Amino acid sequence: MSSNPPDEPPTKIENSSALSAKAEKMDPVAEIIGKTTTHTLRIQVTKPGEVGRNDFLSITHQGEEYLLLCKELWREKGKTTGQCSVVGPMPRTPFNPEMLVYKASPRIVSAALGIDIPIEESVYAGQLSDHTVPVRLPVKQLGRLFIVGKTGSGKSYTTAVIMEEFLKKGIPIVVLDRHGEYSSLKIPAEEGNERFNVEPRSYEMSVIEFADLHANPGADLPIEALLGTHPKDLIVSGQGTIINFRGLDLGIQEALSQEILNDLYQAAVNREIPPFYCFVDEAHLLAPNRGKAATTGMMRLIAQEGRKFAANLVVITQKPQLLDTTVRSQVGTWIIHQLTDVRDVDITVTSTEGISKDWGEDIQRLDTGQAVIAGDAVQVPVILDVRARETTHGATGFNPLDFAEPQTLEELEKRRIRLRTDFAGRIKAAVERFQQLSADANGGQAPQHVHALRTELQAAEQKLHQLRDENNKLAVRIRKLQIELEKTEKKYQKAMNIAERALAELKGKKK
C-alpha cells in the first residue's frame, strides 16, 4: 500500500474510519484505487458479492462521512472493480487512494438523501431498492407530480399508494379515472406486508365515486350528478372523489373533465375549497402533444398556475412523448417506472431535473414495482421499491360489491341511497339533458353543452330556492289568516249567542 499525503496523516483517517465503522458495526467491503476526484472514484471490491450496482457505500474523508453510489461494476483478472460517484455534498479535496470503503448505514443514507422526513409531514412511498431504508417524500414538495411507466410497470399501483397516503393525512383528492381502476380504494388488501410494515385497510368511508352506474354498479352516484355538484362537495378534507369514466365516450370524458377542471381551478382561485390534489389518469389524452383536446388549455393553466392556489396536479401517463410539452415541463417531481421506448426514455431523462443520461439504462431495466424518483421531492435521484398497497389492486371494471361482506353491502346501499337523495334535485335536471350531451360529444359541441347544462341547472336551482322562499312566506301568511279566521269565528259565535239571548228576552216580555 502506498502512503497517504503528508497533509492528511494516516492515523487520523484510519482511526476516524474505524470508529465510524465500529459505531455502525460494519466491515470494509472495498478500497479506493487509481485516480480520484472530489466527485468520482474507482474501487476494488474486497468482499465479492457484498457490493452491487446502485448500492450505497460510505467513506470517511478528513473526518467527514460521504455517501457514494456505485454506478458500475466489472471483473478483470479475477478482481471486481467499480466506479462510484459522490451523492450529496462533495469534499473540498480529492479522496486518498487505498482508503477503506464501507456499506452505507441507513442513518448515513437517509441523512445524505434527505428522505428522513417526519411521518406527519411526508408520504411513505416505499424503501430504497435492495435496502431497508424507508423513502418518505415531503408533502410540501409534491405540488406537481408526474407518474410515468409503460403498461404493466406498476404506475397505477404506485398512484394508488400515493392516494392512500394523502387520504390518511386528510388531504382531499379528486381522481379523473379513465379505466375505473381506483374504486378499489374501497376494498382492503387480502393481507398485510411485513417488509413495508403495511396492514390491510379500506377507504370506503372516505371515497365518493361518480360513474355510469350501468357499467360500474359499485359506484355511489351517477355521472350526471357532476353537472350539478359544486366544487365544495367534491373537495372536502379527508375525502377522495373518484370520477370514473369507464364506459363513456372520450368526447364526453373530455367535456366533463373540462368542466371539472375549470370549476376546481376557479374555486381554488377564489379560496372556496381547501388545498387538494387532482389525479389525471392517461393525461396524454386530455393534454396531447399533437392534435387538439378541449381540456389542453385548462391542463396547462393548472400545471403553470395551480400551485399558487393550492390546486396541485398529479399527471399519470404511459407515454411521456404524447403528453403536452407545457404540462410536462411544469412537473416538479417524477416517479419513473420502466420505460422501453427509446423516445420516451430520452424525453424522460432530458426533462427530469437531477437525472443524467446514464440513468436511461437504469430506467429501461427497472423491475415491476420499482421506480426512479427525481426532482423537487429528493435531493438526488433514488431507485425505489414501491411499498405494498393497503387496499386491493383493482383491474379494469373492478366492482367493489363483488368483494363486500353481506353486512357491508347493506351499509353501502344505505350510503348510496342517502347520497342519491341529497343530489336528487340536481340529478333530475341533469339527466334530462345528458342524452343530448352524449349525442353532440363527437361533434365537438360537448363542452359548450355541458357549460349550458351547468348554467341552466344553476338557474333552475336558484329559481327553486326562490319558489321555496315564496312558499315559506305563503305558508306564514296562510297561518296568519287561519289565526285571524279563528278569531273572527269566535267573535261571530259570541255575537250570535248575544243575539239569541236578546231575542229570547224580547219574546218573553211580549208574553
Protein backbone atom coordinates (compact mmCIF):
# COMPACT_ATOMS: atom_id res chain seq x y z
CA MET A 1 0.00 0.00 0.00
CA SER A 2 1.17 3.50 -0.78
CA SER A 3 1.36 6.09 1.96
CA ASN A 4 -1.12 8.95 2.39
CA PRO A 5 -0.14 12.57 1.59
CA PRO A 6 1.58 14.38 4.48
CA ASP A 7 -1.25 16.88 4.92
CA GLU A 8 -3.58 14.01 5.91
CA PRO A 9 -1.90 11.73 8.49
CA PRO A 10 -2.86 8.06 8.06
CA THR A 11 -3.74 7.67 11.70
CA LYS A 12 -6.36 10.40 11.56
CA ILE A 13 -8.18 8.92 8.55
CA GLU A 14 -7.91 5.30 9.58
CA ASN A 15 -8.95 5.99 13.14
CA SER A 16 -11.92 8.05 12.01
CA SER A 17 -13.00 5.40 9.51
CA ALA A 18 -12.56 2.65 12.05
CA LEU A 19 -14.59 4.49 14.68
CA SER A 20 -17.38 5.16 12.19
CA ALA A 21 -17.44 1.54 11.02
CA LYS A 22 -17.36 0.28 14.60
CA ALA A 23 -20.25 2.56 15.52
CA GLU A 24 -22.27 1.14 12.62
CA LYS A 25 -20.96 -2.45 13.16
CA MET A 26 -19.64 -2.75 9.63
CA ASP A 27 -16.59 -4.22 7.93
CA PRO A 28 -14.92 -2.66 4.87
CA VAL A 29 -16.11 -4.06 1.54
CA ALA A 30 -13.74 -2.22 -0.83
CA GLU A 31 -10.81 0.16 -1.08
CA ILE A 32 -10.08 3.10 -3.38
CA ILE A 33 -7.72 2.52 -6.30
CA GLY A 34 -6.27 4.70 -9.04
CA LYS A 35 -7.11 8.29 -9.80
CA THR A 36 -9.67 10.09 -7.59
CA THR A 37 -11.50 13.41 -7.76
CA THR A 38 -13.85 15.26 -5.42
CA HIS A 39 -16.89 13.68 -7.05
CA THR A 40 -15.84 10.32 -8.56
CA LEU A 41 -13.56 7.47 -7.62
CA ARG A 42 -12.77 3.87 -8.50
CA ILE A 43 -12.92 0.99 -6.03
CA GLN A 44 -11.66 -2.55 -5.84
CA VAL A 45 -14.13 -4.81 -4.09
CA THR A 46 -12.56 -6.80 -1.27
CA LYS A 47 -15.73 -8.70 -0.38
CA PRO A 48 -17.22 -10.07 -3.62
CA GLY A 49 -21.00 -10.34 -3.55
CA GLU A 50 -21.35 -7.57 -0.96
CA VAL A 51 -21.30 -4.72 -3.48
CA GLY A 52 -23.73 -4.40 -6.38
CA ARG A 53 -24.78 -1.87 -8.99
CA ASN A 54 -26.62 1.13 -7.46
CA ASP A 55 -25.52 0.13 -3.95
CA PHE A 56 -24.81 2.90 -1.45
CA LEU A 57 -21.36 2.95 0.15
CA SER A 58 -19.69 5.30 2.61
CA ILE A 59 -16.22 6.66 3.21
CA THR A 60 -14.66 8.96 5.80
CA HIS A 61 -12.50 11.74 4.42
CA GLN A 62 -10.86 14.42 6.57
CA GLY A 63 -13.09 13.46 9.46
CA GLU A 64 -16.34 13.71 7.48
CA GLU A 65 -18.52 10.89 6.16
CA TYR A 66 -19.54 10.91 2.50
CA LEU A 67 -22.13 8.83 0.67
CA LEU A 68 -21.15 7.03 -2.54
CA LEU A 69 -23.30 5.42 -5.23
CA CYS A 70 -21.79 2.50 -7.11
CA LYS A 71 -22.87 3.09 -10.71
CA GLU A 72 -20.90 0.38 -12.49
CA LEU A 73 -19.06 -2.88 -11.74
CA TRP A 74 -16.83 -5.14 -13.83
CA ARG A 75 -14.49 -8.08 -13.37
CA GLU A 76 -10.97 -8.18 -14.71
CA LYS A 77 -8.18 -10.65 -13.94
CA GLY A 78 -10.20 -12.21 -11.15
CA LYS A 79 -10.87 -8.91 -9.37
CA THR A 80 -14.08 -6.86 -9.16
CA THR A 81 -13.73 -3.17 -9.85
CA GLY A 82 -16.35 -0.43 -9.62
CA GLN A 83 -16.97 3.19 -10.49
CA CYS A 84 -18.58 5.35 -7.77
CA SER A 85 -19.86 8.90 -7.55
CA VAL A 86 -20.46 11.11 -4.53
CA VAL A 87 -24.08 11.60 -3.52
CA GLY A 88 -24.88 14.90 -1.85
CA PRO A 89 -22.19 17.28 -0.54
CA MET A 90 -18.71 16.77 -2.02
CA PRO A 91 -15.35 17.22 -0.24
CA ARG A 92 -13.05 20.14 -0.99
CA THR A 93 -10.13 17.85 -1.81
CA PRO A 94 -9.86 14.55 -3.72
CA PHE A 95 -10.17 11.28 -1.84
CA ASN A 96 -6.96 9.42 -0.98
CA PRO A 97 -6.11 6.14 -2.74
CA GLU A 98 -6.32 2.94 -0.67
CA MET A 99 -8.87 4.40 1.73
CA LEU A 100 -11.36 1.85 3.06
CA VAL A 101 -14.95 1.83 1.79
CA TYR A 102 -17.95 0.52 3.77
CA LYS A 103 -21.53 -0.40 3.11
CA ALA A 104 -23.55 2.71 3.93
CA SER A 105 -25.74 2.51 7.01
CA PRO A 106 -29.41 3.54 6.87
CA ARG A 107 -28.52 6.56 9.01
CA ILE A 108 -25.97 7.86 6.52
CA VAL A 109 -28.16 7.13 3.51
CA SER A 110 -31.27 8.82 4.94
CA ALA A 111 -29.35 11.91 6.01
CA ALA A 112 -27.46 12.31 2.73
CA LEU A 113 -30.53 11.75 0.53
CA GLY A 114 -32.81 13.94 2.62
CA ILE A 115 -35.52 11.26 2.89
CA ASP A 116 -35.67 11.10 6.69
CA ILE A 117 -38.79 13.28 6.80
CA PRO A 118 -41.14 13.10 9.82
CA ILE A 119 -44.12 10.80 9.22
CA GLU A 120 -46.68 13.56 9.73
CA GLU A 121 -45.04 15.69 7.01
CA SER A 122 -44.36 13.02 4.43
CA VAL A 123 -45.66 10.40 2.04
CA TYR A 124 -44.33 6.91 2.71
CA ALA A 125 -43.59 5.64 -0.81
CA GLY A 126 -41.56 2.51 -0.05
CA GLN A 127 -37.92 1.57 0.53
CA LEU A 128 -34.69 2.13 -1.33
CA SER A 129 -34.17 -0.76 -3.71
CA ASP A 130 -32.24 -3.60 -2.03
CA HIS A 131 -32.23 -1.65 1.25
CA THR A 132 -34.40 -1.33 4.33
CA VAL A 133 -34.20 2.47 4.26
CA PRO A 134 -37.74 3.92 4.10
CA VAL A 135 -38.35 6.60 1.47
CA ARG A 136 -40.51 9.44 2.77
CA LEU A 137 -41.30 12.29 0.40
CA PRO A 138 -42.12 15.73 1.82
CA VAL A 139 -45.73 16.63 1.04
CA LYS A 140 -44.89 20.31 0.67
CA GLN A 141 -42.60 19.45 -2.27
CA LEU A 142 -45.19 17.38 -4.13
CA GLY A 143 -47.11 20.20 -5.81
CA ARG A 144 -46.74 18.85 -9.35
CA LEU A 145 -46.15 15.13 -9.60
CA PHE A 146 -45.57 13.03 -12.72
CA ILE A 147 -46.05 9.23 -12.52
CA VAL A 148 -44.91 7.50 -15.70
CA GLY A 149 -44.23 3.98 -16.92
CA LYS A 150 -45.17 1.53 -19.63
CA THR A 151 -48.18 -0.76 -19.28
CA GLY A 152 -47.61 -3.31 -16.52
CA SER A 153 -44.70 -1.45 -14.92
CA GLY A 154 -46.64 -0.57 -11.75
CA LYS A 155 -47.52 3.10 -12.27
CA SER A 156 -51.23 2.62 -11.41
CA TYR A 157 -50.23 0.69 -8.30
CA THR A 158 -47.89 3.50 -7.23
CA THR A 159 -50.59 6.07 -7.96
CA ALA A 160 -52.95 4.27 -5.57
CA VAL A 161 -50.22 4.20 -2.91
CA ILE A 162 -49.88 7.99 -3.15
CA MET A 163 -53.68 8.30 -2.93
CA GLU A 164 -53.73 6.18 0.22
CA GLU A 165 -51.07 8.35 1.79
CA PHE A 166 -52.96 11.57 1.03
CA LEU A 167 -56.26 10.19 2.33
CA LYS A 168 -54.61 9.03 5.57
CA LYS A 169 -53.45 12.59 6.16
CA GLY A 170 -56.87 14.06 5.41
CA ILE A 171 -55.71 15.68 2.16
CA PRO A 172 -58.61 15.83 -0.32
CA ILE A 173 -58.11 14.29 -3.74
CA VAL A 174 -60.16 14.19 -6.93
CA VAL A 175 -59.38 11.49 -9.49
CA LEU A 176 -60.15 11.59 -13.22
CA ASP A 177 -60.15 7.82 -13.60
CA ARG A 178 -60.33 6.76 -17.25
CA HIS A 179 -60.41 2.99 -16.71
CA GLY A 180 -62.16 2.70 -13.35
CA GLU A 181 -59.08 1.39 -11.55
CA TYR A 182 -59.22 3.35 -8.32
CA SER A 183 -62.61 2.35 -6.91
CA SER A 184 -60.58 -0.49 -5.38
CA LEU A 185 -59.55 2.00 -2.69
CA LYS A 186 -62.78 0.93 -1.00
CA ILE A 187 -61.61 -2.67 -0.54
CA PRO A 188 -58.82 -3.70 1.88
CA ALA A 189 -55.96 -5.90 0.65
CA GLU A 190 -56.21 -9.59 1.44
CA GLU A 191 -53.12 -9.49 3.65
CA GLY A 192 -50.51 -7.14 5.06
CA ASN A 193 -46.85 -6.85 4.19
CA GLU A 194 -44.20 -7.27 6.87
CA ARG A 195 -41.30 -5.77 4.90
CA PHE A 196 -43.10 -2.44 4.39
CA ASN A 197 -44.99 -2.62 7.69
CA VAL A 198 -48.33 -2.29 5.87
CA GLU A 199 -51.68 -3.57 7.15
CA PRO A 200 -54.88 -4.02 5.09
CA ARG A 201 -57.16 -1.00 5.17
CA SER A 202 -60.32 0.23 3.44
CA TYR A 203 -61.01 3.85 2.47
CA GLU A 204 -64.68 3.11 1.71
CA MET A 205 -66.00 5.79 4.05
CA SER A 206 -63.58 8.35 2.62
CA VAL A 207 -64.40 7.77 -1.05
CA ILE A 208 -67.31 9.05 -3.14
CA GLU A 209 -67.45 7.70 -6.69
CA PHE A 210 -69.32 9.15 -9.67
CA ALA A 211 -69.77 6.81 -12.65
CA ASP A 212 -72.03 5.35 -15.29
CA LEU A 213 -73.95 3.04 -12.97
CA HIS A 214 -74.73 0.60 -15.76
CA ALA A 215 -71.03 -0.06 -16.37
CA ASN A 216 -69.98 0.49 -12.75
CA PRO A 217 -72.72 -0.73 -10.38
CA GLY A 218 -70.47 -0.31 -7.35
CA ALA A 219 -70.28 3.49 -7.73
CA ASP A 220 -72.10 5.85 -5.37
CA LEU A 221 -73.63 8.40 -7.75
CA PRO A 222 -74.49 8.59 -11.45
CA ILE A 223 -72.00 10.53 -13.57
CA GLU A 224 -74.76 13.01 -14.46
CA ALA A 225 -74.75 14.27 -10.88
CA LEU A 226 -71.46 16.03 -11.59
CA LEU A 227 -73.32 18.60 -13.68
CA GLY A 228 -74.96 19.97 -10.56
CA THR A 229 -72.27 19.44 -7.97
CA HIS A 230 -70.41 22.42 -6.51
CA PRO A 231 -66.63 22.09 -6.01
CA LYS A 232 -67.26 22.36 -2.27
CA ASP A 233 -68.95 18.95 -2.49
CA LEU A 234 -66.04 17.46 -4.45
CA ILE A 235 -63.16 18.86 -2.40
CA VAL A 236 -63.68 18.03 1.26
CA SER A 237 -60.91 17.41 3.79
CA GLY A 238 -60.31 13.69 4.09
CA GLN A 239 -62.45 12.85 1.05
CA GLY A 240 -61.42 11.12 -2.15
CA THR A 241 -63.69 11.94 -5.08
CA ILE A 242 -63.39 9.47 -7.95
CA ILE A 243 -64.74 10.44 -11.37
CA ASN A 244 -64.95 7.03 -13.03
CA PHE A 245 -65.13 7.47 -16.82
CA ARG A 246 -65.27 3.78 -17.67
CA GLY A 247 -67.98 3.14 -20.24
CA LEU A 248 -68.14 6.75 -21.50
CA ASP A 249 -67.03 8.00 -24.91
CA LEU A 250 -63.80 10.02 -24.98
CA GLY A 251 -65.72 13.10 -26.12
CA ILE A 252 -67.92 13.00 -23.03
CA GLN A 253 -64.87 12.37 -20.86
CA GLU A 254 -63.26 15.47 -22.34
CA ALA A 255 -66.35 17.59 -21.81
CA LEU A 256 -66.84 16.54 -18.21
CA SER A 257 -63.12 16.87 -17.44
CA GLN A 258 -63.11 20.39 -18.86
CA GLU A 259 -65.98 21.41 -16.61
CA ILE A 260 -64.49 19.74 -13.53
CA LEU A 261 -61.02 21.20 -14.01
CA ASN A 262 -62.38 24.67 -14.74
CA ASP A 263 -64.69 24.65 -11.72
CA LEU A 264 -61.98 23.32 -9.39
CA TYR A 265 -59.48 25.90 -10.60
CA GLN A 266 -61.91 28.81 -10.21
CA ALA A 267 -62.94 27.62 -6.76
CA ALA A 268 -59.27 27.34 -5.77
CA VAL A 269 -58.53 30.85 -7.05
CA ASN A 270 -61.47 32.20 -5.05
CA ARG A 271 -60.33 30.28 -1.93
CA GLU A 272 -63.63 28.43 -1.75
CA ILE A 273 -62.04 24.99 -1.29
CA PRO A 274 -59.09 23.65 0.74
CA PRO A 275 -55.77 22.61 -0.87
CA PHE A 276 -56.19 19.44 -2.91
CA TYR A 277 -54.57 17.12 -5.44
CA CYS A 278 -56.13 16.36 -8.81
CA PHE A 279 -55.02 13.00 -10.28
CA VAL A 280 -55.34 12.86 -14.08
CA ASP A 281 -55.04 9.31 -15.41
CA GLU A 282 -53.96 8.79 -19.06
CA ALA A 283 -53.16 12.51 -19.11
CA HIS A 284 -51.84 12.41 -22.67
CA LEU A 285 -55.46 12.04 -23.84
CA LEU A 286 -56.57 15.24 -22.08
CA ALA A 287 -53.41 17.20 -22.93
CA PRO A 288 -51.95 15.67 -26.11
CA ASN A 289 -48.66 16.80 -27.56
CA ARG A 290 -50.19 16.62 -31.01
CA GLY A 291 -53.77 17.19 -32.04
CA LYS A 292 -56.44 19.03 -30.10
CA ALA A 293 -58.35 18.40 -26.90
CA ALA A 294 -60.81 20.73 -25.20
CA THR A 295 -59.00 20.15 -21.91
CA THR A 296 -55.46 21.03 -23.04
CA GLY A 297 -55.72 24.72 -22.14
CA MET A 298 -57.04 24.02 -18.65
CA MET A 299 -54.42 21.35 -18.04
CA ARG A 300 -51.72 23.84 -18.99
CA LEU A 301 -53.22 26.52 -16.75
CA ILE A 302 -53.37 24.27 -13.69
CA ALA A 303 -49.85 22.95 -14.37
CA GLN A 304 -48.49 26.51 -14.60
CA GLU A 305 -50.60 28.40 -12.07
CA GLY A 306 -52.43 25.85 -9.93
CA ARG A 307 -49.84 25.56 -7.20
CA LYS A 308 -50.21 29.26 -6.36
CA PHE A 309 -53.76 28.48 -5.30
CA ALA A 310 -53.09 25.03 -3.78
CA ALA A 311 -54.60 23.25 -6.80
CA ASN A 312 -51.98 20.52 -7.14
CA LEU A 313 -51.71 18.29 -10.19
CA VAL A 314 -50.70 14.62 -10.43
CA VAL A 315 -50.18 13.56 -14.04
CA ILE A 316 -50.17 9.85 -14.92
CA THR A 317 -49.25 8.53 -18.37
CA GLN A 318 -47.62 5.57 -20.09
CA LYS A 319 -46.35 7.70 -22.99
CA PRO A 320 -44.40 10.84 -21.98
CA GLN A 321 -43.76 11.65 -25.64
CA LEU A 322 -47.52 12.04 -26.23
CA LEU A 323 -48.04 14.50 -23.36
CA ASP A 324 -48.25 18.24 -24.00
CA THR A 325 -44.79 19.77 -23.62
CA THR A 326 -46.03 22.68 -21.48
CA VAL A 327 -47.64 20.35 -18.96
CA ARG A 328 -44.59 18.09 -18.96
CA SER A 329 -42.18 20.97 -18.41
CA GLN A 330 -44.02 22.11 -15.25
CA VAL A 331 -43.58 18.81 -13.40
CA GLY A 332 -41.69 19.15 -10.12
CA THR A 333 -41.24 15.52 -9.04
CA TRP A 334 -41.02 12.47 -11.31
CA ILE A 335 -41.81 8.88 -10.31
CA ILE A 336 -40.48 6.88 -13.25
CA HIS A 337 -41.30 3.22 -13.78
CA GLN A 338 -39.86 1.07 -16.52
CA LEU A 339 -39.87 2.60 -19.99
CA THR A 340 -38.57 0.74 -23.04
CA ASP A 341 -39.47 3.10 -25.87
CA VAL A 342 -36.26 4.94 -26.72
CA ARG A 343 -38.10 8.21 -27.36
CA ASP A 344 -39.94 8.01 -24.01
CA VAL A 345 -36.69 7.29 -22.19
CA ASP A 346 -34.89 10.17 -23.89
CA ILE A 347 -37.70 12.65 -23.13
CA THR A 348 -37.85 11.50 -19.52
CA VAL A 349 -34.10 11.79 -18.97
CA THR A 350 -33.84 15.22 -20.59
CA SER A 351 -36.95 16.56 -18.82
CA THR A 352 -36.21 15.36 -15.29
CA GLU A 353 -34.11 17.54 -13.03
CA GLY A 354 -31.11 15.79 -11.50
CA ILE A 355 -31.04 12.83 -13.89
CA SER A 356 -28.13 12.34 -16.28
CA LYS A 357 -28.05 10.25 -19.46
CA ASP A 358 -26.57 7.23 -17.70
CA TRP A 359 -29.89 6.84 -15.85
CA GLY A 360 -31.51 5.87 -19.14
CA GLU A 361 -30.21 2.33 -18.86
CA ASP A 362 -31.46 2.04 -15.28
CA ILE A 363 -34.95 3.18 -16.34
CA GLN A 364 -35.11 0.50 -19.04
CA ARG A 365 -34.01 -2.22 -16.58
CA LEU A 366 -36.40 -1.45 -13.72
CA ASP A 367 -38.45 -4.36 -12.43
CA THR A 368 -42.22 -4.18 -11.94
CA GLY A 369 -42.84 -2.22 -8.75
CA GLN A 370 -39.53 -0.35 -8.92
CA ALA A 371 -39.27 3.32 -9.76
CA VAL A 372 -36.76 6.14 -10.01
CA ILE A 373 -37.73 9.22 -8.01
CA ALA A 374 -36.16 12.52 -9.03
CA GLY A 375 -36.89 16.23 -8.85
CA ASP A 376 -38.17 18.50 -6.09
CA ALA A 377 -39.01 15.80 -3.54
CA VAL A 378 -35.49 14.31 -3.28
CA GLN A 379 -32.02 15.80 -3.12
CA VAL A 380 -30.66 13.22 -5.58
CA PRO A 381 -32.40 10.59 -7.75
CA VAL A 382 -33.06 7.28 -6.00
CA ILE A 383 -34.34 3.86 -7.03
CA LEU A 384 -37.35 2.82 -5.00
CA ASP A 385 -39.21 -0.41 -4.26
CA VAL A 386 -42.77 0.88 -4.01
CA ARG A 387 -44.47 -0.16 -0.78
CA ALA A 388 -47.31 -2.66 -0.75
CA ARG A 389 -50.82 -1.26 -1.04
CA GLU A 390 -53.19 -1.22 1.92
CA THR A 391 -56.09 -1.71 -0.49
CA THR A 392 -56.80 -4.19 -3.27
CA HIS A 393 -55.19 -3.54 -6.62
CA GLY A 394 -58.20 -3.45 -8.96
CA ALA A 395 -58.29 -4.24 -12.65
CA THR A 396 -60.42 -2.57 -15.31
CA GLY A 397 -64.07 -2.66 -14.38
CA PHE A 398 -63.42 -3.50 -10.74
CA ASN A 399 -66.71 -3.77 -8.85
CA PRO A 400 -66.31 -3.34 -5.06
CA LEU A 401 -69.68 -5.01 -4.47
CA ASP A 402 -68.22 -8.31 -5.64
CA PHE A 403 -65.85 -8.27 -2.67
CA ALA A 404 -68.05 -6.73 0.03
CA GLU A 405 -69.24 -8.74 3.02
CA PRO A 406 -73.04 -9.11 3.42
CA GLN A 407 -73.26 -6.66 6.30
CA THR A 408 -71.10 -4.20 4.38
CA LEU A 409 -73.38 -4.49 1.33
CA GLU A 410 -76.28 -3.18 3.40
CA GLU A 411 -74.21 -0.27 4.69
CA LEU A 412 -73.02 0.59 1.18
CA GLU A 413 -76.59 0.55 -0.13
CA LYS A 414 -77.79 2.84 2.65
CA ARG A 415 -74.93 5.22 1.91
CA ARG A 416 -75.74 5.29 -1.80
CA ILE A 417 -79.43 5.94 -1.09
CA ARG A 418 -78.55 8.82 1.22
CA LEU A 419 -76.16 10.37 -1.30
CA ARG A 420 -78.60 9.97 -4.17
CA THR A 421 -81.30 11.63 -2.08
CA ASP A 422 -79.01 14.57 -1.33
CA PHE A 423 -78.34 15.10 -5.03
CA ALA A 424 -81.82 14.14 -6.27
CA GLY A 425 -82.95 17.58 -7.41
CA ARG A 426 -79.77 18.26 -9.35
CA ILE A 427 -79.61 14.77 -10.84
CA LYS A 428 -83.14 15.06 -12.27
CA ALA A 429 -82.35 18.24 -14.17
CA ALA A 430 -79.02 16.92 -15.42
CA VAL A 431 -80.32 13.55 -16.61
CA GLU A 432 -82.93 15.22 -18.84
CA ARG A 433 -80.16 16.77 -20.92
CA PHE A 434 -77.36 14.24 -20.59
CA GLN A 435 -78.54 12.32 -23.65
CA GLN A 436 -78.14 15.46 -25.72
CA LEU A 437 -74.60 15.83 -24.38
CA SER A 438 -73.84 12.26 -25.47
CA ALA A 439 -75.25 12.86 -28.96
CA ASP A 440 -73.23 16.03 -29.51
CA ALA A 441 -69.93 14.91 -27.95
CA ASN A 442 -68.42 13.60 -31.16
CA GLY A 443 -69.35 16.79 -32.98
CA GLY A 444 -67.19 18.91 -30.74
CA GLN A 445 -70.19 20.57 -29.07
CA ALA A 446 -69.95 18.68 -25.80
CA PRO A 447 -68.03 21.29 -23.76
CA GLN A 448 -70.48 24.02 -24.78
CA HIS A 449 -73.48 21.86 -23.92
CA VAL A 450 -72.00 20.85 -20.59
CA HIS A 451 -71.47 24.52 -19.76
CA ALA A 452 -75.02 25.31 -20.90
CA LEU A 453 -76.35 22.46 -18.78
CA ARG A 454 -74.45 23.73 -15.78
CA THR A 455 -75.76 27.26 -16.26
CA GLU A 456 -79.32 26.04 -16.79
CA LEU A 457 -79.13 23.78 -13.77
CA GLN A 458 -77.80 26.55 -11.55
CA ALA A 459 -80.58 28.86 -12.77
CA ALA A 460 -83.16 26.16 -12.05
CA GLU A 461 -81.73 25.67 -8.56
CA GLN A 462 -81.87 29.42 -7.95
CA LYS A 463 -85.47 29.52 -9.14
CA LEU A 464 -86.25 26.56 -6.90
CA HIS A 465 -84.80 28.41 -3.91
CA GLN A 466 -86.92 31.45 -4.79
CA LEU A 467 -90.05 29.34 -5.06
CA ARG A 468 -89.25 27.69 -1.73
CA ASP A 469 -88.84 31.13 -0.14
CA GLU A 470 -92.13 32.28 -1.63
CA ASN A 471 -93.78 29.07 -0.48
CA ASN A 472 -92.49 29.62 3.05
CA LYS A 473 -93.81 33.19 3.01
CA LEU A 474 -97.19 31.98 1.75
CA ALA A 475 -97.27 29.33 4.46
CA VAL A 476 -96.68 32.01 7.09
CA ARG A 477 -99.38 34.20 5.53
CA ILE A 478 -101.86 31.31 5.43
CA ARG A 479 -101.17 30.57 9.07
CA LYS A 480 -101.84 34.19 9.97
CA LEU A 481 -105.08 34.12 8.02
CA GLN A 482 -106.11 30.92 9.76
CA ILE A 483 -105.49 32.56 13.13
CA GLU A 484 -107.50 35.63 12.10
CA LEU A 485 -110.29 33.38 10.81
CA GLU A 486 -110.39 31.50 14.10
CA LYS A 487 -110.64 34.80 15.98
CA THR A 488 -113.40 36.03 13.66
CA GLU A 489 -115.32 32.79 14.09
CA LYS A 490 -115.13 33.16 17.86
CA LYS A 491 -116.40 36.76 17.67
CA TYR A 492 -119.19 35.70 15.33
CA GLN A 493 -120.23 32.89 17.64
CA LYS A 494 -120.18 35.24 20.63
CA ALA A 495 -122.33 37.78 18.76
CA MET A 496 -124.79 35.07 17.76
CA ASN A 497 -125.08 33.95 21.36
CA ILE A 498 -125.78 37.52 22.50
CA ALA A 499 -128.36 37.98 19.74
CA GLU A 500 -130.11 34.74 20.62
CA ARG A 501 -130.32 35.68 24.29
CA ALA A 502 -131.64 39.13 23.41
CA LEU A 503 -134.25 37.65 21.12
CA ALA A 504 -135.33 35.24 23.81
CA GLU A 505 -135.68 38.05 26.36
CA LEU A 506 -137.74 40.13 23.89
CA LYS A 507 -140.15 37.27 23.22
CA GLY A 508 -140.59 36.78 27.00
CA LYS A 509 -141.57 40.38 27.58
CA LYS A 510 -144.20 40.30 24.83
CA LYS A 511 -145.87 37.39 26.52
